[in-house]
């Protein structure tokens, strides 16, 4: 007999093209890594059950294209998202330059939802100052997690952090609603 899924949440991945969104999703959902870059067209959806404490949750993960050509489409993909990851490439500072635009576009559709900042490709030498990253994380009230899809560094931890944050928010909302 299968366990009852207590929660179903939609997660979206934000960030410029080539930062490793698809690789992070592939590593988490399928425990695989493809080294060749192939741009996502539109969006790709994946599902994965995850157990946090004694609660079974199902994650519906949307890997959304980062290229500007898909900017208008992204807004439709943000609908009903419970949480988001903003991914940037630690070797390319330019992938952080438009974070304000990305977060603003997301919040315009979803309101304030949990967002985790993923510094990806930490297996390579960073070209971004730590103080700048901490400032950005604080500005948007995000947890910063260093990841490498290639070396499977903190990928599982990033998804667990997000799931715990959404679960806590859901339980709090439930307590407020119940008499």
N, C-alpha and C. Protein backbone atom coordinates (compact mmCIF):
# COMPACT_ATOMS: atom_id res chain seq x y z
N UNK A 1 0.84 -1.19 0.00
CA UNK A 1 0.00 0.00 0.00
C UNK A 1 0.89 1.25 0.00
N UNK A 2 0.52 2.23 -0.79
CA UNK A 2 1.31 3.46 -0.84
C UNK A 2 0.89 4.40 0.27
N UNK A 3 1.84 5.20 0.70
CA UNK A 3 1.56 6.17 1.76
C UNK A 3 0.74 7.33 1.21
N UNK A 4 0.00 7.95 2.09
CA UNK A 4 -0.82 9.10 1.72
C UNK A 4 0.06 10.35 1.63
N UNK A 5 -0.05 11.06 0.53
CA UNK A 5 0.68 12.31 0.35
C UNK A 5 -0.10 13.41 1.07
N UNK A 6 0.54 14.03 2.05
CA UNK A 6 -0.12 15.06 2.84
C UNK A 6 -0.15 16.42 2.14
N UNK A 7 0.87 16.70 1.36
CA UNK A 7 0.97 17.99 0.68
C UNK A 7 1.49 17.80 -0.74
N UNK A 8 1.03 18.66 -1.62
CA UNK A 8 1.49 18.71 -3.00
C UNK A 8 1.91 20.15 -3.27
N UNK A 9 3.18 20.35 -3.61
CA UNK A 9 3.69 21.71 -3.81
C UNK A 9 4.39 21.85 -5.15
N UNK A 10 4.18 23.00 -5.74
CA UNK A 10 4.85 23.35 -6.99
C UNK A 10 6.06 24.21 -6.66
N UNK A 11 7.21 23.81 -7.19
CA UNK A 11 8.44 24.57 -7.03
C UNK A 11 8.89 25.03 -8.41
N UNK A 12 9.39 26.26 -8.50
CA UNK A 12 9.89 26.77 -9.77
C UNK A 12 11.36 27.14 -9.64
N UNK A 13 12.07 26.94 -10.74
CA UNK A 13 13.48 27.30 -10.81
C UNK A 13 13.62 28.56 -11.65
N UNK A 14 14.29 29.57 -11.10
CA UNK A 14 14.51 30.84 -11.77
C UNK A 14 16.00 31.03 -12.02
N UNK A 15 16.33 31.81 -13.01
CA UNK A 15 17.73 32.15 -13.25
C UNK A 15 18.05 32.18 -14.72
N UNK A 16 19.15 32.86 -15.03
CA UNK A 16 19.60 33.03 -16.41
C UNK A 16 19.90 31.67 -17.04
N UNK A 17 19.99 31.65 -18.35
CA UNK A 17 20.33 30.44 -19.08
C UNK A 17 21.74 29.98 -18.75
N UNK A 18 21.92 28.67 -18.67
CA UNK A 18 23.25 28.10 -18.48
C UNK A 18 23.77 28.09 -17.06
N UNK A 19 22.93 28.41 -16.07
CA UNK A 19 23.41 28.44 -14.69
C UNK A 19 23.36 27.07 -14.01
N UNK A 20 22.66 26.12 -14.64
CA UNK A 20 22.62 24.77 -14.09
C UNK A 20 21.28 24.37 -13.49
N UNK A 21 20.21 25.07 -13.82
CA UNK A 21 18.89 24.72 -13.29
C UNK A 21 18.50 23.29 -13.66
N UNK A 22 18.62 22.96 -14.94
CA UNK A 22 18.26 21.62 -15.41
C UNK A 22 19.15 20.56 -14.78
N UNK A 23 20.42 20.86 -14.62
CA UNK A 23 21.35 19.91 -14.00
C UNK A 23 21.00 19.67 -12.54
N UNK A 24 20.62 20.71 -11.81
CA UNK A 24 20.22 20.55 -10.41
C UNK A 24 18.96 19.69 -10.29
N UNK A 25 17.99 19.96 -11.15
CA UNK A 25 16.75 19.18 -11.14
C UNK A 25 17.05 17.73 -11.49
N UNK A 26 17.86 17.51 -12.53
CA UNK A 26 18.22 16.15 -12.93
C UNK A 26 18.95 15.39 -11.83
N UNK A 27 19.84 16.09 -11.14
CA UNK A 27 20.58 15.47 -10.04
C UNK A 27 19.64 15.06 -8.92
N UNK A 28 18.70 15.95 -8.58
CA UNK A 28 17.79 15.67 -7.47
C UNK A 28 16.76 14.61 -7.82
N UNK A 29 16.10 14.76 -8.94
CA UNK A 29 14.99 13.88 -9.28
C UNK A 29 15.48 12.51 -9.77
N UNK A 30 16.53 12.49 -10.60
CA UNK A 30 16.96 11.25 -11.23
C UNK A 30 18.35 10.78 -10.80
N UNK A 31 18.99 11.54 -9.90
CA UNK A 31 20.35 11.25 -9.46
C UNK A 31 21.29 11.05 -10.65
N UNK A 32 21.20 11.98 -11.61
CA UNK A 32 22.07 11.91 -12.78
C UNK A 32 22.59 13.30 -13.12
N UNK A 33 23.66 13.33 -13.89
CA UNK A 33 24.24 14.59 -14.33
C UNK A 33 24.66 14.45 -15.78
N UNK A 34 24.15 15.35 -16.60
CA UNK A 34 24.53 15.40 -18.02
C UNK A 34 25.44 16.60 -18.18
N UNK A 35 26.65 16.39 -18.64
CA UNK A 35 27.62 17.47 -18.76
C UNK A 35 27.38 18.41 -19.93
N UNK A 36 26.66 17.96 -20.93
CA UNK A 36 26.43 18.79 -22.12
C UNK A 36 25.28 19.76 -21.88
N UNK A 37 25.49 21.02 -22.27
CA UNK A 37 24.46 22.03 -22.10
C UNK A 37 23.46 21.97 -23.24
N UNK A 38 22.19 21.87 -22.88
CA UNK A 38 21.10 21.92 -23.84
C UNK A 38 20.04 22.83 -23.24
N UNK A 39 19.79 23.96 -23.86
CA UNK A 39 18.86 24.95 -23.31
C UNK A 39 17.46 24.37 -23.17
N UNK A 40 16.80 24.70 -22.05
CA UNK A 40 15.42 24.31 -21.85
C UNK A 40 14.55 25.20 -22.73
N UNK A 41 13.60 24.58 -23.40
CA UNK A 41 12.66 25.33 -24.24
C UNK A 41 11.35 25.42 -23.46
N UNK A 42 10.98 26.64 -23.05
CA UNK A 42 9.75 26.81 -22.27
C UNK A 42 9.95 26.35 -20.84
N UNK A 43 9.51 25.14 -20.56
CA UNK A 43 9.65 24.59 -19.20
C UNK A 43 9.57 23.08 -19.26
N UNK A 44 10.14 22.44 -18.26
CA UNK A 44 10.04 20.99 -18.10
C UNK A 44 9.54 20.73 -16.68
N UNK A 45 8.64 19.76 -16.55
CA UNK A 45 8.05 19.46 -15.25
C UNK A 45 8.50 18.07 -14.80
N UNK A 46 8.82 17.96 -13.51
CA UNK A 46 9.25 16.70 -12.91
C UNK A 46 8.55 16.57 -11.56
N UNK A 47 8.35 15.35 -11.08
CA UNK A 47 7.76 15.16 -9.76
C UNK A 47 8.66 14.26 -8.93
N UNK A 48 8.60 14.48 -7.62
CA UNK A 48 9.37 13.63 -6.71
C UNK A 48 8.72 13.68 -5.32
N UNK A 49 8.48 12.50 -4.75
CA UNK A 49 8.00 12.47 -3.37
C UNK A 49 9.17 12.70 -2.43
N UNK A 50 8.90 13.38 -1.33
CA UNK A 50 9.95 13.61 -0.33
C UNK A 50 9.30 13.54 1.05
N UNK A 51 10.01 12.91 1.97
CA UNK A 51 9.50 12.78 3.33
C UNK A 51 10.27 13.72 4.24
N UNK A 52 9.56 14.59 4.91
CA UNK A 52 10.15 15.51 5.87
C UNK A 52 9.53 15.19 7.23
N UNK A 53 10.38 14.87 8.18
CA UNK A 53 9.92 14.36 9.47
C UNK A 53 9.06 13.13 9.16
N UNK A 54 7.80 13.12 9.53
CA UNK A 54 6.92 11.99 9.21
C UNK A 54 5.88 12.37 8.18
N UNK A 55 6.13 13.43 7.44
CA UNK A 55 5.15 13.94 6.49
C UNK A 55 5.61 13.68 5.06
N UNK A 56 4.76 13.00 4.29
CA UNK A 56 5.08 12.74 2.89
C UNK A 56 4.54 13.87 2.03
N UNK A 57 5.42 14.47 1.26
CA UNK A 57 5.07 15.58 0.38
C UNK A 57 5.43 15.19 -1.05
N UNK A 58 4.69 15.72 -1.99
CA UNK A 58 5.02 15.50 -3.39
C UNK A 58 5.40 16.84 -3.99
N UNK A 59 6.59 16.89 -4.59
CA UNK A 59 7.07 18.11 -5.21
C UNK A 59 6.85 18.03 -6.72
N UNK A 60 6.25 19.07 -7.26
CA UNK A 60 6.11 19.21 -8.70
C UNK A 60 7.10 20.32 -9.07
N UNK A 61 8.15 19.94 -9.73
CA UNK A 61 9.30 20.83 -9.97
C UNK A 61 9.28 21.32 -11.41
N UNK A 62 9.23 22.64 -11.55
CA UNK A 62 9.20 23.26 -12.88
C UNK A 62 10.55 23.89 -13.16
N UNK A 63 11.23 23.36 -14.16
CA UNK A 63 12.51 23.88 -14.65
C UNK A 63 12.16 24.84 -15.78
N UNK A 64 12.30 26.12 -15.53
CA UNK A 64 11.83 27.15 -16.45
C UNK A 64 13.01 27.75 -17.23
N UNK A 65 12.82 27.92 -18.54
CA UNK A 65 13.86 28.47 -19.41
C UNK A 65 14.32 29.83 -18.92
N UNK A 66 15.63 30.06 -18.98
CA UNK A 66 16.18 31.32 -18.51
C UNK A 66 16.37 32.37 -19.59
N UNK A 67 16.27 31.99 -20.85
CA UNK A 67 16.49 32.93 -21.93
C UNK A 67 15.38 33.98 -21.98
N UNK A 68 15.75 35.20 -22.34
CA UNK A 68 14.80 36.32 -22.39
C UNK A 68 13.62 36.06 -23.31
N UNK A 69 13.79 35.25 -24.34
CA UNK A 69 12.70 34.94 -25.27
C UNK A 69 11.49 34.34 -24.55
N UNK A 70 11.72 33.75 -23.37
CA UNK A 70 10.65 33.07 -22.65
C UNK A 70 10.11 33.88 -21.47
N UNK A 71 10.50 35.15 -21.37
CA UNK A 71 10.11 35.98 -20.22
C UNK A 71 8.60 36.04 -20.01
N UNK A 72 7.83 36.22 -21.09
CA UNK A 72 6.37 36.31 -20.95
C UNK A 72 5.75 34.98 -20.56
N UNK A 73 6.29 33.89 -21.09
CA UNK A 73 5.79 32.56 -20.74
C UNK A 73 6.02 32.22 -19.27
N UNK A 74 7.15 32.67 -18.75
CA UNK A 74 7.50 32.34 -17.36
C UNK A 74 6.41 32.72 -16.39
N UNK A 75 5.77 33.85 -16.61
CA UNK A 75 4.73 34.31 -15.68
C UNK A 75 3.62 33.27 -15.54
N UNK A 76 3.26 32.61 -16.62
CA UNK A 76 2.24 31.56 -16.56
C UNK A 76 2.74 30.37 -15.74
N UNK A 77 4.03 30.05 -15.87
CA UNK A 77 4.58 28.93 -15.13
C UNK A 77 4.68 29.21 -13.63
N UNK A 78 4.74 30.47 -13.25
CA UNK A 78 4.83 30.83 -11.83
C UNK A 78 3.51 30.60 -11.08
N UNK A 79 2.39 30.56 -11.80
CA UNK A 79 1.08 30.42 -11.16
C UNK A 79 1.06 29.26 -10.16
N UNK A 80 0.56 29.52 -8.97
CA UNK A 80 0.37 28.52 -7.91
C UNK A 80 1.66 27.91 -7.36
N UNK A 81 2.79 28.57 -7.58
CA UNK A 81 4.04 28.07 -7.01
C UNK A 81 4.05 28.26 -5.50
N UNK A 82 4.54 27.27 -4.80
CA UNK A 82 4.65 27.33 -3.34
C UNK A 82 6.03 27.79 -2.89
N UNK A 83 7.02 27.62 -3.78
CA UNK A 83 8.39 28.00 -3.46
C UNK A 83 9.20 28.12 -4.74
N UNK A 84 10.35 28.78 -4.62
CA UNK A 84 11.20 28.99 -5.79
C UNK A 84 12.67 28.91 -5.41
N UNK A 85 13.46 28.50 -6.38
CA UNK A 85 14.92 28.54 -6.27
C UNK A 85 15.41 29.56 -7.28
N UNK A 86 16.26 30.48 -6.84
CA UNK A 86 16.95 31.34 -7.79
C UNK A 86 18.37 30.80 -7.89
N UNK A 87 18.75 30.39 -9.11
CA UNK A 87 20.05 29.76 -9.33
C UNK A 87 20.95 30.72 -10.11
N UNK A 88 22.19 30.83 -9.66
CA UNK A 88 23.18 31.60 -10.41
C UNK A 88 24.47 30.80 -10.49
N UNK A 89 25.28 31.13 -11.46
CA UNK A 89 26.55 30.45 -11.71
C UNK A 89 27.65 31.24 -11.02
N UNK A 90 28.30 30.63 -10.05
CA UNK A 90 29.32 31.32 -9.25
C UNK A 90 30.52 31.78 -10.09
N UNK A 91 30.69 31.24 -11.29
CA UNK A 91 31.79 31.65 -12.15
C UNK A 91 31.40 32.79 -13.09
N UNK A 92 30.11 33.17 -13.08
CA UNK A 92 29.62 34.22 -13.98
C UNK A 92 28.81 35.26 -13.20
N UNK A 93 29.47 36.29 -12.68
CA UNK A 93 28.78 37.31 -11.89
C UNK A 93 27.57 37.91 -12.60
N UNK A 94 27.59 37.97 -13.91
CA UNK A 94 26.47 38.54 -14.67
C UNK A 94 25.16 37.79 -14.43
N UNK A 95 25.25 36.53 -13.99
CA UNK A 95 24.02 35.74 -13.77
C UNK A 95 23.27 36.18 -12.51
N UNK A 96 23.85 37.10 -11.76
CA UNK A 96 23.19 37.67 -10.58
C UNK A 96 22.66 39.08 -10.83
N UNK A 97 23.08 39.70 -11.91
CA UNK A 97 22.77 41.11 -12.13
C UNK A 97 21.28 41.44 -12.18
N UNK A 98 20.47 40.53 -12.71
CA UNK A 98 19.04 40.82 -12.86
C UNK A 98 18.18 40.10 -11.84
N UNK A 99 18.74 39.73 -10.71
CA UNK A 99 17.97 39.01 -9.69
C UNK A 99 16.73 39.80 -9.27
N UNK A 100 16.86 41.13 -9.17
CA UNK A 100 15.71 41.96 -8.78
C UNK A 100 14.54 41.76 -9.74
N UNK A 101 14.84 41.74 -11.04
CA UNK A 101 13.79 41.55 -12.05
C UNK A 101 13.13 40.19 -11.91
N UNK A 102 13.92 39.16 -11.71
CA UNK A 102 13.40 37.80 -11.57
C UNK A 102 12.48 37.70 -10.36
N UNK A 103 12.93 38.20 -9.21
CA UNK A 103 12.15 38.10 -7.98
C UNK A 103 10.89 38.94 -8.08
N UNK A 104 11.01 40.13 -8.63
CA UNK A 104 9.85 41.01 -8.81
C UNK A 104 8.79 40.35 -9.70
N UNK A 105 9.22 39.76 -10.81
CA UNK A 105 8.28 39.08 -11.72
C UNK A 105 7.59 37.91 -11.02
N UNK A 106 8.36 37.14 -10.25
CA UNK A 106 7.79 36.02 -9.50
C UNK A 106 6.77 36.51 -8.49
N UNK A 107 7.16 37.48 -7.66
CA UNK A 107 6.28 37.98 -6.60
C UNK A 107 5.02 38.64 -7.15
N UNK A 108 5.09 39.21 -8.35
CA UNK A 108 3.91 39.82 -8.97
C UNK A 108 2.84 38.77 -9.24
N UNK A 109 3.26 37.54 -9.47
CA UNK A 109 2.32 36.45 -9.77
C UNK A 109 1.94 35.68 -8.50
N UNK A 110 2.93 35.39 -7.66
CA UNK A 110 2.71 34.48 -6.52
C UNK A 110 2.51 35.16 -5.17
N UNK A 111 2.85 36.43 -5.07
CA UNK A 111 2.96 37.04 -3.76
C UNK A 111 4.26 36.56 -3.15
N UNK A 112 4.43 36.79 -1.86
CA UNK A 112 5.69 36.39 -1.21
C UNK A 112 5.65 34.89 -0.90
N UNK A 113 6.56 34.17 -1.51
CA UNK A 113 6.71 32.73 -1.24
C UNK A 113 8.17 32.47 -0.87
N UNK A 114 8.45 31.34 -0.22
CA UNK A 114 9.84 31.03 0.11
C UNK A 114 10.71 30.92 -1.14
N UNK A 115 11.89 31.54 -1.08
CA UNK A 115 12.86 31.46 -2.16
C UNK A 115 14.22 31.08 -1.56
N UNK A 116 14.88 30.13 -2.17
CA UNK A 116 16.22 29.74 -1.75
C UNK A 116 17.18 30.14 -2.86
N UNK A 117 18.27 30.79 -2.48
CA UNK A 117 19.29 31.25 -3.42
C UNK A 117 20.35 30.15 -3.56
N UNK A 118 20.52 29.65 -4.78
CA UNK A 118 21.47 28.57 -5.01
C UNK A 118 22.68 29.07 -5.80
N UNK A 119 23.83 29.05 -5.12
CA UNK A 119 25.11 29.38 -5.77
C UNK A 119 25.61 28.09 -6.39
N UNK A 120 25.40 27.93 -7.69
CA UNK A 120 25.72 26.67 -8.34
C UNK A 120 27.12 26.69 -8.96
N UNK A 121 27.61 25.50 -9.22
CA UNK A 121 28.93 25.25 -9.82
C UNK A 121 30.07 25.60 -8.85
N UNK A 122 29.84 25.31 -7.56
CA UNK A 122 30.87 25.61 -6.56
C UNK A 122 32.07 24.67 -6.65
N UNK A 123 32.01 23.70 -7.57
CA UNK A 123 33.18 22.86 -7.82
C UNK A 123 34.22 23.63 -8.64
N UNK A 124 33.82 24.81 -9.15
CA UNK A 124 34.72 25.68 -9.90
C UNK A 124 35.07 26.91 -9.06
N UNK A 125 36.05 27.67 -9.47
CA UNK A 125 36.47 28.84 -8.71
C UNK A 125 35.46 29.98 -8.84
N UNK A 126 35.01 30.50 -7.71
CA UNK A 126 34.01 31.56 -7.70
C UNK A 126 34.61 32.89 -8.14
N UNK A 127 33.79 33.69 -8.80
CA UNK A 127 34.20 35.03 -9.21
C UNK A 127 33.29 36.08 -8.56
N UNK A 128 32.62 35.68 -7.47
CA UNK A 128 31.70 36.57 -6.79
C UNK A 128 32.09 36.66 -5.31
N UNK A 129 32.13 37.88 -4.81
CA UNK A 129 32.51 38.11 -3.41
C UNK A 129 31.44 37.57 -2.46
N UNK A 130 31.88 36.91 -1.41
CA UNK A 130 30.97 36.33 -0.41
C UNK A 130 30.09 37.41 0.22
N UNK A 131 30.66 38.56 0.51
CA UNK A 131 29.89 39.65 1.13
C UNK A 131 28.74 40.10 0.23
N UNK A 132 28.97 40.11 -1.07
CA UNK A 132 27.90 40.49 -2.02
C UNK A 132 26.76 39.47 -1.98
N UNK A 133 27.12 38.20 -1.90
CA UNK A 133 26.11 37.14 -1.86
C UNK A 133 25.28 37.22 -0.58
N UNK A 134 25.95 37.45 0.52
CA UNK A 134 25.23 37.57 1.80
C UNK A 134 24.30 38.78 1.80
N UNK A 135 24.73 39.86 1.17
CA UNK A 135 23.91 41.07 1.07
C UNK A 135 22.64 40.79 0.24
N UNK A 136 22.80 40.09 -0.87
CA UNK A 136 21.66 39.75 -1.72
C UNK A 136 20.70 38.82 -0.99
N UNK A 137 21.24 37.81 -0.32
CA UNK A 137 20.39 36.86 0.42
C UNK A 137 19.60 37.59 1.50
N UNK A 138 20.25 38.50 2.19
CA UNK A 138 19.57 39.26 3.24
C UNK A 138 18.48 40.18 2.65
N UNK A 139 18.80 40.84 1.55
CA UNK A 139 17.86 41.76 0.91
C UNK A 139 16.54 41.06 0.58
N UNK A 140 16.62 39.84 0.07
CA UNK A 140 15.42 39.11 -0.34
C UNK A 140 14.96 38.09 0.70
N UNK A 141 15.58 38.08 1.88
CA UNK A 141 15.23 37.16 2.95
C UNK A 141 15.28 35.71 2.45
N UNK A 142 16.40 35.36 1.83
CA UNK A 142 16.60 34.02 1.28
C UNK A 142 17.75 33.33 1.97
N UNK A 143 17.64 32.04 2.07
CA UNK A 143 18.78 31.25 2.53
C UNK A 143 19.69 31.01 1.32
N UNK A 144 20.99 31.14 1.51
CA UNK A 144 21.99 30.89 0.46
C UNK A 144 22.58 29.51 0.66
N UNK A 145 22.51 28.69 -0.39
CA UNK A 145 23.09 27.34 -0.33
C UNK A 145 24.03 27.17 -1.52
N UNK A 146 25.23 26.70 -1.23
CA UNK A 146 26.22 26.43 -2.28
C UNK A 146 26.00 25.02 -2.82
N UNK A 147 25.85 24.92 -4.16
CA UNK A 147 25.57 23.63 -4.77
C UNK A 147 26.50 23.34 -5.94
N UNK A 148 26.61 22.07 -6.24
CA UNK A 148 27.25 21.61 -7.47
C UNK A 148 26.45 20.40 -7.94
N UNK A 149 25.76 20.57 -9.06
CA UNK A 149 25.02 19.43 -9.62
C UNK A 149 26.01 18.36 -10.08
N UNK A 150 27.13 18.79 -10.61
CA UNK A 150 28.14 17.86 -11.12
C UNK A 150 28.66 16.94 -10.02
N UNK A 151 29.00 17.53 -8.88
CA UNK A 151 29.58 16.74 -7.77
C UNK A 151 28.54 16.36 -6.72
N UNK A 152 27.27 16.67 -6.97
CA UNK A 152 26.17 16.36 -6.05
C UNK A 152 26.41 16.98 -4.66
N UNK A 153 26.79 18.25 -4.66
CA UNK A 153 27.05 18.97 -3.42
C UNK A 153 25.80 19.76 -3.01
N UNK A 154 25.26 19.42 -1.86
CA UNK A 154 24.13 20.12 -1.24
C UNK A 154 22.85 20.18 -2.08
N UNK A 155 22.71 19.33 -3.08
CA UNK A 155 21.50 19.36 -3.90
C UNK A 155 20.30 18.86 -3.09
N UNK A 156 20.44 17.70 -2.50
CA UNK A 156 19.38 17.15 -1.64
C UNK A 156 19.06 18.12 -0.50
N UNK A 157 20.10 18.69 0.09
CA UNK A 157 19.91 19.62 1.21
C UNK A 157 19.11 20.85 0.79
N UNK A 158 19.35 21.34 -0.42
CA UNK A 158 18.62 22.51 -0.91
C UNK A 158 17.13 22.22 -1.02
N UNK A 159 16.79 21.06 -1.57
CA UNK A 159 15.38 20.69 -1.70
C UNK A 159 14.74 20.43 -0.33
N UNK A 160 15.49 19.82 0.57
CA UNK A 160 14.95 19.60 1.92
C UNK A 160 14.72 20.92 2.64
N UNK A 161 15.64 21.86 2.49
CA UNK A 161 15.49 23.18 3.10
C UNK A 161 14.21 23.84 2.59
N UNK A 162 14.02 23.82 1.28
CA UNK A 162 12.83 24.42 0.68
C UNK A 162 11.56 23.72 1.19
N UNK A 163 11.57 22.39 1.18
CA UNK A 163 10.39 21.64 1.60
C UNK A 163 10.06 21.91 3.05
N UNK A 164 11.07 21.96 3.90
CA UNK A 164 10.84 22.27 5.33
C UNK A 164 10.23 23.66 5.50
N UNK A 165 10.76 24.62 4.74
CA UNK A 165 10.26 25.99 4.84
C UNK A 165 8.78 26.09 4.43
N UNK A 166 8.43 25.42 3.34
CA UNK A 166 7.04 25.44 2.88
C UNK A 166 6.15 24.68 3.86
N UNK A 167 6.64 23.56 4.36
CA UNK A 167 5.87 22.76 5.33
C UNK A 167 5.59 23.56 6.59
N UNK A 168 6.60 24.24 7.08
CA UNK A 168 6.44 25.07 8.28
C UNK A 168 5.39 26.17 8.03
N UNK A 169 5.48 26.81 6.89
CA UNK A 169 4.52 27.86 6.52
C UNK A 169 3.10 27.29 6.41
N UNK A 170 2.97 26.10 5.83
CA UNK A 170 1.67 25.45 5.68
C UNK A 170 1.08 25.07 7.04
N UNK A 171 1.91 24.52 7.90
CA UNK A 171 1.43 24.13 9.23
C UNK A 171 1.03 25.35 10.05
N UNK A 172 1.78 26.43 9.92
CA UNK A 172 1.45 27.66 10.63
C UNK A 172 0.11 28.21 10.14
N UNK A 173 -0.08 28.22 8.84
CA UNK A 173 -1.34 28.70 8.26
C UNK A 173 -2.51 27.85 8.72
N UNK A 174 -2.28 26.54 8.79
CA UNK A 174 -3.32 25.59 9.23
C UNK A 174 -3.71 25.85 10.68
N UNK A 175 -2.72 26.14 11.55
CA UNK A 175 -3.00 26.42 12.96
C UNK A 175 -3.80 27.70 13.13
N UNK A 176 -3.51 28.67 12.26
CA UNK A 176 -4.22 29.95 12.34
C UNK A 176 -5.67 29.78 11.91
N UNK A 177 -5.92 28.96 10.91
CA UNK A 177 -7.26 28.75 10.37
C UNK A 177 -8.11 27.90 11.29
N UNK A 178 -7.51 26.85 11.87
CA UNK A 178 -8.28 25.93 12.74
C UNK A 178 -8.61 26.61 14.06
N UNK A 179 -9.81 26.35 14.60
CA UNK A 179 -10.22 26.95 15.89
C UNK A 179 -9.45 26.36 17.06
